[in-house]
Amino acid sequence: MATGAGFGAIGMSRPMPHALAIAVVACLAVVFASNHVAARLAFDHGVSVITAVAVRSVVTVVGVMLLLRLAGVSARLPVALRRHALIVGLVLSLQSFSLYSAVSRIPVALALLTFNTFPIVLALLSWATTGERPARRTGRAMPVILFGLVLALDIPGVLASAGRSLDDPLRFAAGVGFGLAASVSFATVLLLTTRWLNAIDGRVRTVWTMGVVALVVSVAGIATDGFAWPVDAAGWTGLALLSLLYGSAFTAMYVLVPRMGAVNTAPVLNIEPVASMVIAWAVLGQTIAPIQVLGALLVVGSVIWMNLGRR
């Protein structure tokens, strides 16, 4: 799930049963996956990446602002933390643009799998900046994740055919590059958020950082004439769905997570790439080879196993 800001403590309600909590998180993962499939539908029908990111960000900010209003919580951020929120928002802007750029170029599942290497990047960034070595479980999962990604992207087949197995090798390479850029920038967002903004209510943090994304992307779109709107009904449907699905799932997390007690949501949310594979096949007709499915399962399974080791 590419939320970018993480979820802060927002008050505990009566926890829901464990099985129900797992089912709810799995449903949210499917909704997040559907958001990316809807984004690809919009891109295939005239929508630019800048337009998609800007609209989605505005819808999300409005949804979370409504939550704050209903809860009677102020969206004010201490002055000392505003510069930090601005920096995190700028990096989040890069992550949002990069991930949607990957989705627009390569199959949705492959874009999300490439992005899903961010736990490796986060572990390495933490090691480089704090000297804290990755946990043993993380170290064991890293090579498996990378090997699975190689299979999912069919790197051996691409190399064996000298790129002839791809319809557009440059577009494919750009898509993978954007996916990796999204992974690095998201890991950076998580690292900075933990250090600078972790004590802030997750809803307030989201309003500020996602608000920066909406502003930065909108200014960039105006300056570069980068806004492009749907050319037909399918494009408008995709744009509406990607905004509705992401905004509603993101907002629902803030309502439901406090009721999940000690349930670790991270492993379940990581089924998103697999869900996107199924949905993209059903909606867009995107298919990948069996060896790529094996690679996808290795990546997702390793990330889930790695997260299960966290307290």
C-alpha atoms as a PDB file:
ATOM      1  CA  MET A   1       0.000   0.000   0.000  1.00  0.00           C
ATOM      2  CA  ALA A   2       1.490   3.294  -1.107  1.00  0.00           C
ATOM      3  CA  THR A   3       0.176   5.603   1.508  1.00  0.00           C
ATOM      4  CA  GLY A   4       3.305   7.598   2.024  1.00  0.00           C
ATOM      5  CA  ALA A   5       2.657   8.927   5.503  1.00  0.00           C
ATOM      6  CA  GLY A   6       1.923   5.873   7.626  1.00  0.00           C
ATOM      7  CA  PHE A   7      -0.714   5.665  10.318  1.00  0.00           C
ATOM      8  CA  GLY A   8      -0.375   7.214  13.737  1.00  0.00           C
ATOM      9  CA  ALA A   9      -2.135   6.427  16.948  1.00  0.00           C
ATOM     10  CA  ILE A  10      -5.575   7.979  16.833  1.00  0.00           C
ATOM     11  CA  GLY A  11      -7.263   6.601  19.902  1.00  0.00           C
ATOM     12  CA  MET A  12      -8.354   3.061  20.704  1.00  0.00           C
ATOM     13  CA  SER A  13     -11.890   1.801  20.373  1.00  0.00           C
ATOM     14  CA  ARG A  14     -13.185  -1.637  21.276  1.00  0.00           C
ATOM     15  CA  PRO A  15     -11.012  -4.037  19.228  1.00  0.00           C
ATOM     16  CA  MET A  16     -12.676  -6.200  16.605  1.00  0.00           C
ATOM     17  CA  PRO A  17     -12.138  -9.987  16.502  1.00  0.00           C
ATOM     18  CA  HIS A  18      -8.787 -11.045  15.051  1.00  0.00           C
ATOM     19  CA  ALA A  19     -10.270 -12.957  12.103  1.00  0.00           C
ATOM     20  CA  LEU A  20     -12.513 -10.040  11.208  1.00  0.00           C
ATOM     21  CA  ALA A  21      -9.599  -7.615  11.412  1.00  0.00           C
ATOM     22  CA  ILE A  22      -7.547  -9.740   9.007  1.00  0.00           C
ATOM     23  CA  ALA A  23     -10.487  -9.932   6.595  1.00  0.00           C
ATOM     24  CA  VAL A  24     -10.979  -6.158   6.710  1.00  0.00           C
ATOM     25  CA  VAL A  25      -7.314  -5.450   6.015  1.00  0.00           C
ATOM     26  CA  ALA A  26      -7.342  -7.948   3.140  1.00  0.00           C
ATOM     27  CA  CYS A  27     -10.353  -6.143   1.657  1.00  0.00           C
ATOM     28  CA  LEU A  28      -8.540  -2.820   1.964  1.00  0.00           C
ATOM     29  CA  ALA A  29      -5.520  -4.308   0.186  1.00  0.00           C
ATOM     30  CA  VAL A  30      -7.807  -5.345  -2.668  1.00  0.00           C
ATOM     31  CA  VAL A  31      -9.253  -1.819  -2.807  1.00  0.00           C
ATOM     32  CA  PHE A  32      -5.768  -0.306  -2.966  1.00  0.00           C
ATOM     33  CA  ALA A  33      -4.894  -2.752  -5.760  1.00  0.00           C
ATOM     34  CA  SER A  34      -8.078  -1.786  -7.597  1.00  0.00           C
ATOM     35  CA  ASN A  35      -7.005   1.856  -7.360  1.00  0.00           C
ATOM     36  CA  HIS A  36      -3.883   1.106  -9.387  1.00  0.00           C
ATOM     37  CA  VAL A  37      -5.811  -0.877 -11.969  1.00  0.00           C
ATOM     38  CA  ALA A  38      -8.245   2.044 -12.289  1.00  0.00           C
ATOM     39  CA  ALA A  39      -5.255   4.347 -12.697  1.00  0.00           C
ATOM     40  CA  ARG A  40      -3.951   2.269 -15.601  1.00  0.00           C
ATOM     41  CA  LEU A  41      -7.420   2.398 -17.187  1.00  0.00           C
ATOM     42  CA  ALA A  42      -7.347   6.185 -16.874  1.00  0.00           C
ATOM     43  CA  PHE A  43      -3.828   6.407 -18.338  1.00  0.00           C
ATOM     44  CA  ASP A  44      -4.828   4.268 -21.298  1.00  0.00           C
ATOM     45  CA  HIS A  45      -7.644   6.723 -22.030  1.00  0.00           C
ATOM     46  CA  GLY A  46      -5.881  10.062 -22.002  1.00  0.00           C
ATOM     47  CA  VAL A  47      -5.235  10.912 -18.349  1.00  0.00           C
ATOM     48  CA  SER A  48      -1.722  12.109 -17.496  1.00  0.00           C
ATOM     49  CA  VAL A  49       0.157  10.979 -14.391  1.00  0.00           C
ATOM     50  CA  ILE A  50       0.153  14.542 -13.036  1.00  0.00           C
ATOM     51  CA  THR A  51      -3.623  14.757 -13.356  1.00  0.00           C
ATOM     52  CA  ALA A  52      -4.132  11.429 -11.588  1.00  0.00           C
ATOM     53  CA  VAL A  53      -1.801  12.281  -8.690  1.00  0.00           C
ATOM     54  CA  ALA A  54      -3.270  15.760  -8.242  1.00  0.00           C
ATOM     55  CA  VAL A  55      -6.912  14.618  -8.237  1.00  0.00           C
ATOM     56  CA  ARG A  56      -6.213  11.636  -5.992  1.00  0.00           C
ATOM     57  CA  SER A  57      -4.282  13.761  -3.500  1.00  0.00           C
ATOM     58  CA  VAL A  58      -6.992  16.416  -3.276  1.00  0.00           C
ATOM     59  CA  VAL A  59      -9.698  13.791  -2.730  1.00  0.00           C
ATOM     60  CA  THR A  60      -7.632  12.122   0.008  1.00  0.00           C
ATOM     61  CA  VAL A  61      -6.922  15.407   1.805  1.00  0.00           C
ATOM     62  CA  VAL A  62     -10.614  16.313   1.734  1.00  0.00           C
ATOM     63  CA  GLY A  63     -11.579  12.886   3.102  1.00  0.00           C
ATOM     64  CA  VAL A  64      -9.095  13.028   5.970  1.00  0.00           C
ATOM     65  CA  MET A  65     -10.036  16.643   6.733  1.00  0.00           C
ATOM     66  CA  LEU A  66     -13.645  15.503   7.114  1.00  0.00           C
ATOM     67  CA  LEU A  67     -12.478  12.831   9.552  1.00  0.00           C
ATOM     68  CA  LEU A  68     -10.673  15.463  11.587  1.00  0.00           C
ATOM     69  CA  ARG A  69     -13.719  17.718  11.576  1.00  0.00           C
ATOM     70  CA  LEU A  70     -16.008  14.896  12.738  1.00  0.00           C
ATOM     71  CA  ALA A  71     -13.545  13.940  15.471  1.00  0.00           C
ATOM     72  CA  GLY A  72     -13.116  17.551  16.571  1.00  0.00           C
ATOM     73  CA  VAL A  73      -9.355  17.372  16.018  1.00  0.00           C
ATOM     74  CA  SER A  74      -7.405  20.415  14.850  1.00  0.00           C
ATOM     75  CA  ALA A  75      -5.292  20.086  11.709  1.00  0.00           C
ATOM     76  CA  ARG A  76      -2.743  22.565  13.034  1.00  0.00           C
ATOM     77  CA  LEU A  77       0.852  21.410  13.071  1.00  0.00           C
ATOM     78  CA  PRO A  78       3.492  22.857  15.427  1.00  0.00           C
ATOM     79  CA  VAL A  79       5.528  25.505  13.630  1.00  0.00           C
ATOM     80  CA  ALA A  80       8.757  23.659  14.401  1.00  0.00           C
ATOM     81  CA  LEU A  81       7.530  20.611  12.482  1.00  0.00           C
ATOM     82  CA  ARG A  82       6.166  22.338   9.392  1.00  0.00           C
ATOM     83  CA  ARG A  83       9.516  22.375   7.598  1.00  0.00           C
ATOM     84  CA  HIS A  84       9.835  18.640   8.237  1.00  0.00           C
ATOM     85  CA  ALA A  85       6.320  18.048   6.912  1.00  0.00           C
ATOM     86  CA  LEU A  86       7.209  20.053   3.806  1.00  0.00           C
ATOM     87  CA  ILE A  87      10.302  17.924   3.155  1.00  0.00           C
ATOM     88  CA  VAL A  88       8.395  14.682   3.653  1.00  0.00           C
ATOM     89  CA  GLY A  89       5.659  15.973   1.353  1.00  0.00           C
ATOM     90  CA  LEU A  90       8.192  16.799  -1.362  1.00  0.00           C
ATOM     91  CA  VAL A  91       9.637  13.282  -1.234  1.00  0.00           C
ATOM     92  CA  LEU A  92       6.121  11.858  -1.176  1.00  0.00           C
ATOM     93  CA  SER A  93       5.383  13.855  -4.330  1.00  0.00           C
ATOM     94  CA  LEU A  94       8.263  12.064  -6.063  1.00  0.00           C
ATOM     95  CA  GLN A  95       7.007   8.710  -4.795  1.00  0.00           C
ATOM     96  CA  SER A  96       3.459   9.318  -5.997  1.00  0.00           C
ATOM     97  CA  PHE A  97       4.564  10.515  -9.428  1.00  0.00           C
ATOM     98  CA  SER A  98       7.059   7.660  -9.820  1.00  0.00           C
ATOM     99  CA  LEU A  99       4.654   4.888  -8.847  1.00  0.00           C
ATOM    100  CA  TYR A 100       1.902   6.067 -11.187  1.00  0.00           C
ATOM    101  CA  SER A 101       4.498   6.560 -13.932  1.00  0.00           C
ATOM    102  CA  ALA A 102       5.479   2.910 -13.486  1.00  0.00           C
ATOM    103  CA  VAL A 103       1.822   1.807 -13.556  1.00  0.00           C
ATOM    104  CA  SER A 104       1.314   3.744 -16.788  1.00  0.00           C
ATOM    105  CA  ARG A 105       4.188   1.930 -18.546  1.00  0.00           C
ATOM    106  CA  ILE A 106       4.300  -1.691 -17.396  1.00  0.00           C
ATOM    107  CA  PRO A 107       1.707  -4.201 -16.128  1.00  0.00           C
ATOM    108  CA  VAL A 108       0.208  -3.049 -12.841  1.00  0.00           C
ATOM    109  CA  ALA A 109       1.365  -6.106 -10.890  1.00  0.00           C
ATOM    110  CA  LEU A 110       4.973  -5.683 -12.046  1.00  0.00           C
ATOM    111  CA  ALA A 111       4.940  -1.996 -11.118  1.00  0.00           C
ATOM    112  CA  LEU A 112       3.721  -2.820  -7.598  1.00  0.00           C
ATOM    113  CA  LEU A 113       6.183  -5.691  -7.217  1.00  0.00           C
ATOM    114  CA  THR A 114       9.062  -3.402  -8.153  1.00  0.00           C
ATOM    115  CA  PHE A 115       7.778  -0.844  -5.675  1.00  0.00           C
ATOM    116  CA  ASN A 116       7.447  -3.561  -3.032  1.00  0.00           C
ATOM    117  CA  THR A 117      11.229  -3.700  -2.681  1.00  0.00           C
ATOM    118  CA  PHE A 118      10.964  -0.670  -0.377  1.00  0.00           C
ATOM    119  CA  PRO A 119      11.425  -2.764   2.828  1.00  0.00           C
ATOM    120  CA  ILE A 120      14.907  -3.663   1.572  1.00  0.00           C
ATOM    121  CA  VAL A 121      15.691  -0.023   0.806  1.00  0.00           C
ATOM    122  CA  LEU A 122      14.351   1.070   4.195  1.00  0.00           C
ATOM    123  CA  ALA A 123      16.511  -1.471   6.016  1.00  0.00           C
ATOM    124  CA  LEU A 124      19.605  -0.326   4.106  1.00  0.00           C
ATOM    125  CA  LEU A 125      18.824   3.367   4.663  1.00  0.00           C
ATOM    126  CA  SER A 126      18.359   2.769   8.373  1.00  0.00           C
ATOM    127  CA  TRP A 127      21.645   0.882   8.493  1.00  0.00           C
ATOM    128  CA  ALA A 128      23.465   3.670   6.628  1.00  0.00           C
ATOM    129  CA  THR A 129      22.046   6.498   8.733  1.00  0.00           C
ATOM    130  CA  THR A 130      21.860   4.950  12.197  1.00  0.00           C
ATOM    131  CA  GLY A 131      24.290   2.052  12.055  1.00  0.00           C
ATOM    132  CA  GLU A 132      21.483  -0.333  13.023  1.00  0.00           C
ATOM    133  CA  ARG A 133      22.036  -3.574  11.147  1.00  0.00           C
ATOM    134  CA  PRO A 134      18.980  -5.161   9.486  1.00  0.00           C
ATOM    135  CA  ALA A 135      17.306  -7.870  11.529  1.00  0.00           C
ATOM    136  CA  ARG A 136      18.334 -11.441  10.742  1.00  0.00           C
ATOM    137  CA  ARG A 137      14.948 -12.193   9.239  1.00  0.00           C
ATOM    138  CA  THR A 138      15.249  -9.121   6.993  1.00  0.00           C
ATOM    139  CA  GLY A 139      18.710 -10.155   5.852  1.00  0.00           C
ATOM    140  CA  ARG A 140      17.437 -13.586   4.890  1.00  0.00           C
ATOM    141  CA  ALA A 141      14.445 -12.189   3.015  1.00  0.00           C
ATOM    142  CA  MET A 142      16.425  -9.646   0.959  1.00  0.00           C
ATOM    143  CA  PRO A 143      18.036 -12.014  -1.562  1.00  0.00           C
ATOM    144  CA  VAL A 144      14.792 -13.950  -1.995  1.00  0.00           C
ATOM    145  CA  ILE A 145      12.893 -10.729  -2.716  1.00  0.00           C
ATOM    146  CA  LEU A 146      15.484  -9.665  -5.276  1.00  0.00           C
ATOM    147  CA  PHE A 147      15.503 -13.103  -6.915  1.00  0.00           C
ATOM    148  CA  GLY A 148      11.711 -13.097  -7.045  1.00  0.00           C
ATOM    149  CA  LEU A 149      11.748  -9.659  -8.636  1.00  0.00           C
ATOM    150  CA  VAL A 150      14.185 -10.870 -11.302  1.00  0.00           C
ATOM    151  CA  LEU A 151      11.787 -13.696 -12.146  1.00  0.00           C
ATOM    152  CA  ALA A 152       8.692 -11.458 -11.998  1.00  0.00           C
ATOM    153  CA  LEU A 153      10.238  -9.017 -14.457  1.00  0.00           C
ATOM    154  CA  ASP A 154      11.428 -11.964 -16.598  1.00  0.00           C
ATOM    155  CA  ILE A 155      14.938 -10.518 -16.691  1.00  0.00           C
ATOM    156  CA  PRO A 156      16.478 -13.828 -17.912  1.00  0.00           C
ATOM    157  CA  GLY A 157      14.021 -13.967 -20.829  1.00  0.00           C
ATOM    158  CA  VAL A 158      14.606 -10.329 -21.726  1.00  0.00           C
ATOM    159  CA  LEU A 159      18.369 -10.785 -21.720  1.00  0.00           C
ATOM    160  CA  ALA A 160      18.195 -14.050 -23.668  1.00  0.00           C
ATOM    161  CA  SER A 161      16.139 -12.381 -26.396  1.00  0.00           C
ATOM    162  CA  ALA A 162      18.222  -9.199 -26.318  1.00  0.00           C
ATOM    163  CA  GLY A 163      15.039  -7.279 -25.544  1.00  0.00           C
ATOM    164  CA  ARG A 164      13.089  -8.692 -28.480  1.00  0.00           C
ATOM    165  CA  SER A 165      10.581 -10.327 -26.116  1.00  0.00           C
ATOM    166  CA  LEU A 166       9.359  -6.847 -25.194  1.00  0.00           C
ATOM    167  CA  ASP A 167       7.063  -4.737 -27.350  1.00  0.00           C
ATOM    168  CA  ASP A 168       8.872  -1.577 -26.238  1.00  0.00           C
ATOM    169  CA  PRO A 169      12.126  -2.224 -24.309  1.00  0.00           C
ATOM    170  CA  LEU A 170      12.682   1.455 -23.483  1.00  0.00           C
ATOM    171  CA  ARG A 171       9.174   1.854 -22.103  1.00  0.00           C
ATOM    172  CA  PHE A 172       9.613  -1.298 -20.025  1.00  0.00           C
ATOM    173  CA  ALA A 173      12.967  -0.115 -18.664  1.00  0.00           C
ATOM    174  CA  ALA A 174      11.489   3.277 -17.818  1.00  0.00           C
ATOM    175  CA  GLY A 175       8.593   1.613 -15.999  1.00  0.00           C
ATOM    176  CA  VAL A 176      10.952  -0.521 -13.904  1.00  0.00           C
ATOM    177  CA  GLY A 177      13.103   2.536 -13.219  1.00  0.00           C
ATOM    178  CA  PHE A 178      10.103   4.528 -12.015  1.00  0.00           C
ATOM    179  CA  GLY A 179       9.036   1.594  -9.817  1.00  0.00           C
ATOM    180  CA  LEU A 180      12.463   1.507  -8.177  1.00  0.00           C
ATOM    181  CA  ALA A 181      12.426   5.294  -7.774  1.00  0.00           C
ATOM    182  CA  ALA A 182       9.068   4.976  -6.023  1.00  0.00           C
ATOM    183  CA  SER A 183      10.547   2.297  -3.761  1.00  0.00           C
ATOM    184  CA  VAL A 184      13.516   4.459  -2.752  1.00  0.00           C
ATOM    185  CA  SER A 185      11.435   7.589  -2.212  1.00  0.00           C
ATOM    186  CA  PHE A 186       8.796   5.717  -0.184  1.00  0.00           C
ATOM    187  CA  ALA A 187      11.480   4.186   2.033  1.00  0.00           C
ATOM    188  CA  THR A 188      12.849   7.695   2.532  1.00  0.00           C
ATOM    189  CA  VAL A 189       9.386   8.975   3.469  1.00  0.00           C
ATOM    190  CA  LEU A 190       9.005   6.219   6.061  1.00  0.00           C
ATOM    191  CA  LEU A 191      12.461   6.899   7.502  1.00  0.00           C
ATOM    192  CA  LEU A 192      11.914  10.666   7.768  1.00  0.00           C
ATOM    193  CA  THR A 193       8.367  10.271   9.089  1.00  0.00           C
ATOM    194  CA  THR A 194       9.571   7.971  11.858  1.00  0.00           C
ATOM    195  CA  ARG A 195      12.280  10.404  12.883  1.00  0.00           C
ATOM    196  CA  TRP A 196      10.452  13.710  12.543  1.00  0.00           C
ATOM    197  CA  LEU A 197       6.691  13.240  12.585  1.00  0.00           C
ATOM    198  CA  ASN A 198       6.012   9.968  14.361  1.00  0.00           C
ATOM    199  CA  ALA A 199       4.433  11.625  17.403  1.00  0.00           C
ATOM    200  CA  ILE A 200       1.942  13.557  15.273  1.00  0.00           C
ATOM    201  CA  ASP A 201      -1.606  12.272  14.776  1.00  0.00           C
ATOM    202  CA  GLY A 202      -1.541  10.287  11.536  1.00  0.00           C
ATOM    203  CA  ARG A 203      -4.510  12.193  10.138  1.00  0.00           C
ATOM    204  CA  VAL A 204      -2.864  15.570  10.712  1.00  0.00           C
ATOM    205  CA  ARG A 205       0.372  14.273   9.227  1.00  0.00           C
ATOM    206  CA  THR A 206      -1.476  13.081   6.149  1.00  0.00           C
ATOM    207  CA  VAL A 207      -3.298  16.382   5.612  1.00  0.00           C
ATOM    208  CA  TRP A 208      -0.006  18.253   5.605  1.00  0.00           C
ATOM    209  CA  THR A 209       2.132  15.859   3.578  1.00  0.00           C
ATOM    210  CA  MET A 210      -0.577  14.938   1.079  1.00  0.00           C
ATOM    211  CA  GLY A 211      -1.500  18.598   0.845  1.00  0.00           C
ATOM    212  CA  VAL A 212       2.079  19.328  -0.191  1.00  0.00           C
ATOM    213  CA  VAL A 213       1.789  16.629  -2.849  1.00  0.00           C
ATOM    214  CA  ALA A 214      -1.406  18.163  -4.239  1.00  0.00           C
ATOM    215  CA  LEU A 215       0.185  21.632  -4.327  1.00  0.00           C
ATOM    216  CA  VAL A 216       3.529  20.554  -5.820  1.00  0.00           C
ATOM    217  CA  VAL A 217       1.999  18.362  -8.511  1.00  0.00           C
ATOM    218  CA  SER A 218      -0.599  20.989  -9.415  1.00  0.00           C
ATOM    219  CA  VAL A 219       2.051  23.701  -9.783  1.00  0.00           C
ATOM    220  CA  ALA A 220       4.205  21.345 -11.861  1.00  0.00           C
ATOM    221  CA  GLY A 221       1.235  20.505 -14.058  1.00  0.00           C
ATOM    222  CA  ILE A 222       0.423  24.153 -14.682  1.00  0.00           C
ATOM    223  CA  ALA A 223       4.065  25.076 -15.310  1.00  0.00           C
ATOM    224  CA  THR A 224       4.652  22.252 -17.782  1.00  0.00           C
ATOM    225  CA  ASP A 225       1.168  22.085 -19.250  1.00  0.00           C
ATOM    226  CA  GLY A 226       1.148  18.543 -17.901  1.00  0.00           C
ATOM    227  CA  PHE A 227      -2.542  18.239 -17.135  1.00  0.00           C
ATOM    228  CA  ALA A 228      -4.348  15.897 -19.511  1.00  0.00           C
ATOM    229  CA  TRP A 229      -7.942  14.858 -18.953  1.00  0.00           C
ATOM    230  CA  PRO A 230      -9.837  11.743 -20.111  1.00  0.00           C
ATOM    231  CA  VAL A 231     -10.716  11.510 -23.777  1.00  0.00           C
ATOM    232  CA  ASP A 232     -13.729   9.228 -23.296  1.00  0.00           C
ATOM    233  CA  ALA A 233     -16.080   7.713 -20.737  1.00  0.00           C
ATOM    234  CA  ALA A 234     -13.651   4.920 -19.860  1.00  0.00           C
ATOM    235  CA  GLY A 235     -11.014   7.490 -18.946  1.00  0.00           C
ATOM    236  CA  TRP A 236     -13.414   9.432 -16.732  1.00  0.00           C
ATOM    237  CA  THR A 237     -14.467   6.178 -15.077  1.00  0.00           C
ATOM    238  CA  GLY A 238     -10.843   5.288 -14.371  1.00  0.00           C
ATOM    239  CA  LEU A 239     -10.066   8.739 -12.950  1.00  0.00           C
ATOM    240  CA  ALA A 240     -13.166   8.733 -10.751  1.00  0.00           C
ATOM    241  CA  LEU A 241     -12.506   5.210  -9.502  1.00  0.00           C
ATOM    242  CA  LEU A 242      -8.811   5.724  -8.734  1.00  0.00           C
ATOM    243  CA  SER A 243      -9.681   8.799  -6.652  1.00  0.00           C
ATOM    244  CA  LEU A 244     -12.664   7.200  -4.929  1.00  0.00           C
ATOM    245  CA  LEU A 245     -10.938   3.873  -4.224  1.00  0.00           C
ATOM    246  CA  TYR A 246      -7.712   5.357  -2.889  1.00  0.00           C
ATOM    247  CA  GLY A 247      -9.392   8.094  -0.885  1.00  0.00           C
ATOM    248  CA  SER A 248     -12.001   5.796   0.642  1.00  0.00           C
ATOM    249  CA  ALA A 249      -9.527   3.004   1.494  1.00  0.00           C
ATOM    250  CA  PHE A 250      -7.042   5.473   2.926  1.00  0.00           C
ATOM    251  CA  THR A 251      -9.711   7.155   5.039  1.00  0.00           C
ATOM    252  CA  ALA A 252     -11.141   3.797   6.129  1.00  0.00           C
ATOM    253  CA  MET A 253      -7.742   2.818   7.486  1.00  0.00           C
ATOM    254  CA  TYR A 254      -7.933   5.652  10.007  1.00  0.00           C
ATOM    255  CA  VAL A 255     -11.390   4.576  11.102  1.00  0.00           C
ATOM    256  CA  LEU A 256     -10.647   0.844  11.326  1.00  0.00           C
ATOM    257  CA  VAL A 257      -6.993   0.507  12.369  1.00  0.00           C
ATOM    258  CA  PRO A 258      -7.613   1.704  15.954  1.00  0.00           C
ATOM    259  CA  ARG A 259     -10.135  -1.126  16.370  1.00  0.00           C
ATOM    260  CA  MET A 260      -7.721  -3.831  15.237  1.00  0.00           C
ATOM    261  CA  GLY A 261      -5.930  -4.113  18.554  1.00  0.00           C
ATOM    262  CA  ALA A 262      -2.606  -5.911  18.268  1.00  0.00           C
ATOM    263  CA  VAL A 263      -3.180  -7.147  14.718  1.00  0.00           C
ATOM    264  CA  ASN A 264      -0.155  -6.443  12.496  1.00  0.00           C
ATOM    265  CA  THR A 265      -1.695  -5.029   9.321  1.00  0.00           C
ATOM    266  CA  ALA A 266       1.523  -4.834   7.273  1.00  0.00           C
ATOM    267  CA  PRO A 267       1.744  -8.510   6.198  1.00  0.00           C
ATOM    268  CA  VAL A 268      -1.866  -8.629   4.996  1.00  0.00           C
ATOM    269  CA  LEU A 269      -1.608  -5.337   3.107  1.00  0.00           C
ATOM    270  CA  ASN A 270       1.294  -6.794   1.142  1.00  0.00           C
ATOM    271  CA  ILE A 271      -1.077  -9.037  -0.819  1.00  0.00           C
ATOM    272  CA  GLU A 272      -1.810  -5.928  -2.894  1.00  0.00           C
ATOM    273  CA  PRO A 273       0.478  -6.911  -5.839  1.00  0.00           C
ATOM    274  CA  VAL A 274      -1.131 -10.350  -6.104  1.00  0.00           C
ATOM    275  CA  ALA A 275      -4.600  -8.835  -5.937  1.00  0.00           C
ATOM    276  CA  SER A 276      -3.630  -6.338  -8.638  1.00  0.00           C
ATOM    277  CA  MET A 277      -2.435  -9.215 -10.823  1.00  0.00           C
ATOM    278  CA  VAL A 278      -5.850 -10.868 -10.682  1.00  0.00           C
ATOM    279  CA  ILE A 279      -7.831  -7.640 -11.096  1.00  0.00           C
ATOM    280  CA  ALA A 280      -5.651  -6.376 -13.970  1.00  0.00           C
ATOM    281  CA  TRP A 281      -6.128  -9.716 -15.732  1.00  0.00           C
ATOM    282  CA  ALA A 282      -9.922  -9.515 -15.318  1.00  0.00           C
ATOM    283  CA  VAL A 283     -10.334  -5.806 -16.141  1.00  0.00           C
ATOM    284  CA  LEU A 284      -7.450  -4.923 -18.456  1.00  0.00           C
ATOM    285  CA  GLY A 285      -6.558  -8.294 -19.926  1.00  0.00           C
ATOM    286  CA  GLN A 286      -2.994  -8.025 -18.592  1.00  0.00           C
ATOM    287  CA  THR A 287      -1.304 -11.399 -18.235  1.00  0.00           C
ATOM    288  CA  ILE A 288       2.127 -12.535 -17.125  1.00  0.00           C
ATOM    289  CA  ALA A 289       3.939 -15.820 -17.664  1.00  0.00           C
ATOM    290  CA  PRO A 290       3.924 -18.622 -15.059  1.00  0.00           C
ATOM    291  CA  ILE A 291       7.567 -17.952 -14.154  1.00  0.00           C
ATOM    292  CA  GLN A 292       6.608 -14.345 -13.462  1.00  0.00           C
ATOM    293  CA  VAL A 293       3.752 -15.493 -11.215  1.00  0.00           C
ATOM    294  CA  LEU A 294       6.288 -17.584  -9.281  1.00  0.00           C
ATOM    295  CA  GLY A 295       8.498 -14.540  -8.919  1.00  0.00           C
ATOM    296  CA  ALA A 296       5.557 -12.462  -7.705  1.00  0.00           C
ATOM    297  CA  LEU A 297       4.714 -15.049  -5.059  1.00  0.00           C
ATOM    298  CA  LEU A 298       8.350 -15.122  -3.902  1.00  0.00           C
ATOM    299  CA  VAL A 299       8.413 -11.339  -3.513  1.00  0.00           C
ATOM    300  CA  VAL A 300       5.079 -11.081  -1.721  1.00  0.00           C
ATOM    301  CA  GLY A 301       5.679 -14.149   0.429  1.00  0.00           C
ATOM    302  CA  SER A 302       9.108 -12.924   1.509  1.00  0.00           C
ATOM    303  CA  VAL A 303       7.827  -9.450   2.385  1.00  0.00           C
ATOM    304  CA  ILE A 304       4.996 -10.967   4.423  1.00  0.00           C
ATOM    305  CA  TRP A 305       7.402 -13.343   6.188  1.00  0.00           C
ATOM    306  CA  MET A 306       9.738 -10.437   6.941  1.00  0.00           C
ATOM    307  CA  ASN A 307       6.917  -8.340   8.389  1.00  0.00           C
ATOM    308  CA  LEU A 308       5.661 -11.205  10.533  1.00  0.00           C
ATOM    309  CA  GLY A 309       8.952 -11.052  12.389  1.00  0.00           C
ATOM    310  CA  ARG A 310       8.315  -7.467  13.528  1.00  0.00           C
ATOM    311  CA  ARG A 311       6.810  -6.831  16.937  1.00  0.00           C
END
